[in-house]
Amino acid sequence: MPISFSHNFATHIMGSSYHILLFTIFISLSVSFLFDISFASRGKTLDDGWTPIKDPRDPKVVSVGNFAVTTHNSQAKSSLVFDSVVHGETKSDGGTNYNLTIAAKDGDDTLRNYVTLVIDRPYQNSFVLVSFKGPV
């Protein structure tokens, strides 16, 4: 013979479980949101440690972007003309890695974006072009 519960008892149990579930979800989302804000306020991503560049017009950042285009031109026998750093991020790793999106003009004077990775080795007073891709 099946066991039956009164309607009020079942409603009370379901109501309590539902509220506990909602409360748990609310707390989880709140903690997750606060955790994300704390990492964002330090300018770092949780996954890979890259820090967004605050000012892409900073002279150091511009010199890295210009170096990337000049070096790419000499390696690829191309004639891109550096225009600006659109945005980028840095990561410290025994030097500073620059992951930049740069704007450059090609032979037909069209401005296009390129993605480049440059390592600044201050102890050797040199930059190293790791990659140059594009246009993107």
C-alpha atoms as a PDB file:
ATOM      1  CA  MET A   1       0.000   0.000   0.000  1.00  0.00           C
ATOM      2  CA  PRO A   2       1.513   3.399  -1.001  1.00  0.00           C
ATOM      3  CA  ILE A   3       2.437   5.866   1.675  1.00  0.00           C
ATOM      4  CA  SER A   4       0.732   9.205   1.334  1.00  0.00           C
ATOM      5  CA  PHE A   5       1.555  12.552   2.869  1.00  0.00           C
ATOM      6  CA  SER A   6      -0.822  15.310   3.533  1.00  0.00           C
ATOM      7  CA  HIS A   7      -0.817  18.125   0.976  1.00  0.00           C
ATOM      8  CA  ASN A   8       0.330  20.684   3.569  1.00  0.00           C
ATOM      9  CA  PHE A   9       3.297  18.613   4.682  1.00  0.00           C
ATOM     10  CA  ALA A  10       4.520  18.016   1.086  1.00  0.00           C
ATOM     11  CA  THR A  11       4.093  21.705   0.221  1.00  0.00           C
ATOM     12  CA  HIS A  12       6.058  22.710   3.334  1.00  0.00           C
ATOM     13  CA  ILE A  13       8.939  20.337   2.512  1.00  0.00           C
ATOM     14  CA  MET A  14       9.087  21.425  -1.153  1.00  0.00           C
ATOM     15  CA  GLY A  15       8.892  25.074  -0.180  1.00  0.00           C
ATOM     16  CA  SER A  16      11.836  24.708   2.206  1.00  0.00           C
ATOM     17  CA  SER A  17      13.933  22.818  -0.333  1.00  0.00           C
ATOM     18  CA  TYR A  18      13.154  25.397  -2.990  1.00  0.00           C
ATOM     19  CA  HIS A  19      14.215  28.273  -0.721  1.00  0.00           C
ATOM     20  CA  ILE A  20      17.422  26.488   0.267  1.00  0.00           C
ATOM     21  CA  LEU A  21      18.224  25.881  -3.394  1.00  0.00           C
ATOM     22  CA  LEU A  22      17.593  29.534  -4.286  1.00  0.00           C
ATOM     23  CA  PHE A  23      19.692  30.709  -1.349  1.00  0.00           C
ATOM     24  CA  THR A  24      22.564  28.394  -2.349  1.00  0.00           C
ATOM     25  CA  ILE A  25      22.469  29.637  -5.945  1.00  0.00           C
ATOM     26  CA  PHE A  26      22.373  33.259  -4.774  1.00  0.00           C
ATOM     27  CA  ILE A  27      25.382  32.796  -2.473  1.00  0.00           C
ATOM     28  CA  SER A  28      27.362  30.949  -5.178  1.00  0.00           C
ATOM     29  CA  LEU A  29      26.738  33.655  -7.752  1.00  0.00           C
ATOM     30  CA  SER A  30      27.545  36.420  -5.268  1.00  0.00           C
ATOM     31  CA  VAL A  31      30.860  34.854  -4.278  1.00  0.00           C
ATOM     32  CA  SER A  32      31.735  34.213  -7.925  1.00  0.00           C
ATOM     33  CA  PHE A  33      30.905  37.817  -8.853  1.00  0.00           C
ATOM     34  CA  LEU A  34      32.975  39.246  -5.992  1.00  0.00           C
ATOM     35  CA  PHE A  35      35.880  36.940  -6.881  1.00  0.00           C
ATOM     36  CA  ASP A  36      35.803  38.179 -10.500  1.00  0.00           C
ATOM     37  CA  ILE A  37      35.706  41.819  -9.374  1.00  0.00           C
ATOM     38  CA  SER A  38      38.689  41.345  -7.079  1.00  0.00           C
ATOM     39  CA  PHE A  39      40.799  39.981  -9.944  1.00  0.00           C
ATOM     40  CA  ALA A  40      39.566  42.644 -12.362  1.00  0.00           C
ATOM     41  CA  SER A  41      40.436  45.416  -9.938  1.00  0.00           C
ATOM     42  CA  ARG A  42      44.042  44.199  -9.946  1.00  0.00           C
ATOM     43  CA  GLY A  43      43.998  44.209 -13.741  1.00  0.00           C
ATOM     44  CA  LYS A  44      44.728  40.504 -14.038  1.00  0.00           C
ATOM     45  CA  THR A  45      42.857  37.637 -15.545  1.00  0.00           C
ATOM     46  CA  LEU A  46      42.371  34.486 -13.571  1.00  0.00           C
ATOM     47  CA  ASP A  47      43.398  32.142 -16.380  1.00  0.00           C
ATOM     48  CA  ASP A  48      46.684  33.361 -17.741  1.00  0.00           C
ATOM     49  CA  GLY A  49      48.100  36.294 -15.783  1.00  0.00           C
ATOM     50  CA  TRP A  50      47.984  38.887 -18.585  1.00  0.00           C
ATOM     51  CA  THR A  51      47.387  42.508 -17.524  1.00  0.00           C
ATOM     52  CA  PRO A  52      45.528  44.862 -19.891  1.00  0.00           C
ATOM     53  CA  ILE A  53      47.519  47.873 -21.067  1.00  0.00           C
ATOM     54  CA  LYS A  54      45.842  50.989 -19.680  1.00  0.00           C
ATOM     55  CA  ASP A  55      47.240  53.458 -22.206  1.00  0.00           C
ATOM     56  CA  PRO A  56      48.111  52.106 -25.668  1.00  0.00           C
ATOM     57  CA  ARG A  57      49.674  55.520 -26.480  1.00  0.00           C
ATOM     58  CA  ASP A  58      52.298  55.104 -23.748  1.00  0.00           C
ATOM     59  CA  PRO A  59      55.688  55.768 -25.416  1.00  0.00           C
ATOM     60  CA  LYS A  60      57.106  52.401 -24.296  1.00  0.00           C
ATOM     61  CA  VAL A  61      54.104  50.516 -25.738  1.00  0.00           C
ATOM     62  CA  VAL A  62      54.291  52.511 -28.981  1.00  0.00           C
ATOM     63  CA  SER A  63      58.003  51.703 -29.309  1.00  0.00           C
ATOM     64  CA  VAL A  64      57.241  47.988 -28.891  1.00  0.00           C
ATOM     65  CA  GLY A  65      54.538  48.177 -31.586  1.00  0.00           C
ATOM     66  CA  ASN A  66      56.842  50.065 -33.929  1.00  0.00           C
ATOM     67  CA  PHE A  67      59.596  47.516 -33.319  1.00  0.00           C
ATOM     68  CA  ALA A  68      57.192  44.690 -34.202  1.00  0.00           C
ATOM     69  CA  VAL A  69      56.294  46.264 -37.562  1.00  0.00           C
ATOM     70  CA  THR A  70      59.895  47.166 -38.431  1.00  0.00           C
ATOM     71  CA  THR A  71      61.158  43.686 -37.569  1.00  0.00           C
ATOM     72  CA  HIS A  72      58.293  41.994 -39.415  1.00  0.00           C
ATOM     73  CA  ASN A  73      59.038  44.113 -42.487  1.00  0.00           C
ATOM     74  CA  SER A  74      62.687  43.053 -42.506  1.00  0.00           C
ATOM     75  CA  GLN A  75      61.850  39.361 -41.956  1.00  0.00           C
ATOM     76  CA  ALA A  76      58.889  39.129 -44.372  1.00  0.00           C
ATOM     77  CA  LYS A  77      60.199  41.626 -46.934  1.00  0.00           C
ATOM     78  CA  SER A  78      56.993  43.635 -46.520  1.00  0.00           C
ATOM     79  CA  SER A  79      56.381  47.360 -46.283  1.00  0.00           C
ATOM     80  CA  LEU A  80      53.839  47.897 -43.530  1.00  0.00           C
ATOM     81  CA  VAL A  81      53.772  51.343 -41.951  1.00  0.00           C
ATOM     82  CA  PHE A  82      53.101  51.431 -38.201  1.00  0.00           C
ATOM     83  CA  ASP A  83      50.126  53.599 -37.207  1.00  0.00           C
ATOM     84  CA  SER A  84      49.188  52.857 -33.579  1.00  0.00           C
ATOM     85  CA  VAL A  85      48.681  50.305 -30.835  1.00  0.00           C
ATOM     86  CA  VAL A  86      44.956  49.549 -30.711  1.00  0.00           C
ATOM     87  CA  HIS A  87      45.067  47.612 -27.444  1.00  0.00           C
ATOM     88  CA  GLY A  88      47.183  45.044 -25.705  1.00  0.00           C
ATOM     89  CA  GLU A  89      48.232  43.270 -22.571  1.00  0.00           C
ATOM     90  CA  THR A  90      51.452  42.508 -20.765  1.00  0.00           C
ATOM     91  CA  LYS A  91      52.791  39.648 -18.725  1.00  0.00           C
ATOM     92  CA  SER A  92      55.959  39.592 -16.639  1.00  0.00           C
ATOM     93  CA  ASP A  93      58.095  36.513 -17.104  1.00  0.00           C
ATOM     94  CA  GLY A  94      61.773  37.320 -16.630  1.00  0.00           C
ATOM     95  CA  GLY A  95      61.090  40.293 -18.894  1.00  0.00           C
ATOM     96  CA  THR A  96      57.867  41.761 -20.189  1.00  0.00           C
ATOM     97  CA  ASN A  97      55.776  40.018 -22.823  1.00  0.00           C
ATOM     98  CA  TYR A  98      53.661  42.361 -24.952  1.00  0.00           C
ATOM     99  CA  ASN A  99      50.625  40.880 -26.694  1.00  0.00           C
ATOM    100  CA  LEU A 100      49.535  43.774 -28.912  1.00  0.00           C
ATOM    101  CA  THR A 101      46.922  44.480 -31.533  1.00  0.00           C
ATOM    102  CA  ILE A 102      48.447  47.127 -33.748  1.00  0.00           C
ATOM    103  CA  ALA A 103      47.160  49.153 -36.677  1.00  0.00           C
ATOM    104  CA  ALA A 104      49.391  49.461 -39.724  1.00  0.00           C
ATOM    105  CA  LYS A 105      48.986  50.561 -43.318  1.00  0.00           C
ATOM    106  CA  ASP A 106      49.867  48.203 -46.114  1.00  0.00           C
ATOM    107  CA  GLY A 107      50.921  48.905 -49.702  1.00  0.00           C
ATOM    108  CA  ASP A 108      47.497  50.213 -50.770  1.00  0.00           C
ATOM    109  CA  ASP A 109      47.401  52.625 -47.801  1.00  0.00           C
ATOM    110  CA  THR A 110      44.629  50.634 -46.090  1.00  0.00           C
ATOM    111  CA  LEU A 111      44.731  50.592 -42.284  1.00  0.00           C
ATOM    112  CA  ARG A 112      44.510  47.031 -40.956  1.00  0.00           C
ATOM    113  CA  ASN A 113      44.979  45.373 -37.567  1.00  0.00           C
ATOM    114  CA  TYR A 114      47.709  42.864 -36.784  1.00  0.00           C
ATOM    115  CA  VAL A 115      48.393  40.810 -33.654  1.00  0.00           C
ATOM    116  CA  THR A 116      51.941  40.556 -32.389  1.00  0.00           C
ATOM    117  CA  LEU A 117      53.853  39.119 -29.466  1.00  0.00           C
ATOM    118  CA  VAL A 118      57.082  40.840 -28.425  1.00  0.00           C
ATOM    119  CA  ILE A 119      59.333  40.044 -25.481  1.00  0.00           C
ATOM    120  CA  ASP A 120      61.215  42.888 -23.816  1.00  0.00           C
ATOM    121  CA  ARG A 121      64.418  41.609 -22.242  1.00  0.00           C
ATOM    122  CA  PRO A 122      65.629  44.593 -20.226  1.00  0.00           C
ATOM    123  CA  TYR A 123      68.657  42.725 -18.883  1.00  0.00           C
ATOM    124  CA  GLN A 124      69.829  42.321 -22.519  1.00  0.00           C
ATOM    125  CA  ASN A 125      68.496  45.712 -23.602  1.00  0.00           C
ATOM    126  CA  SER A 126      66.588  44.091 -26.469  1.00  0.00           C
ATOM    127  CA  PHE A 127      63.192  43.215 -27.901  1.00  0.00           C
ATOM    128  CA  VAL A 128      62.414  39.870 -29.538  1.00  0.00           C
ATOM    129  CA  LEU A 129      59.582  39.464 -32.055  1.00  0.00           C
ATOM    130  CA  VAL A 130      57.943  36.121 -31.302  1.00  0.00           C
ATOM    131  CA  SER A 131      54.968  36.307 -33.659  1.00  0.00           C
ATOM    132  CA  PHE A 132      53.256  38.640 -36.089  1.00  0.00           C
ATOM    133  CA  LYS A 133      49.865  37.647 -37.521  1.00  0.00           C
ATOM    134  CA  GLY A 134      47.389  39.341 -39.727  1.00  0.00           C
ATOM    135  CA  PRO A 135      45.681  41.195 -40.934  1.00  0.00           C
ATOM    136  CA  VAL A 136      43.019  40.140 -38.463  1.00  0.00           C
END
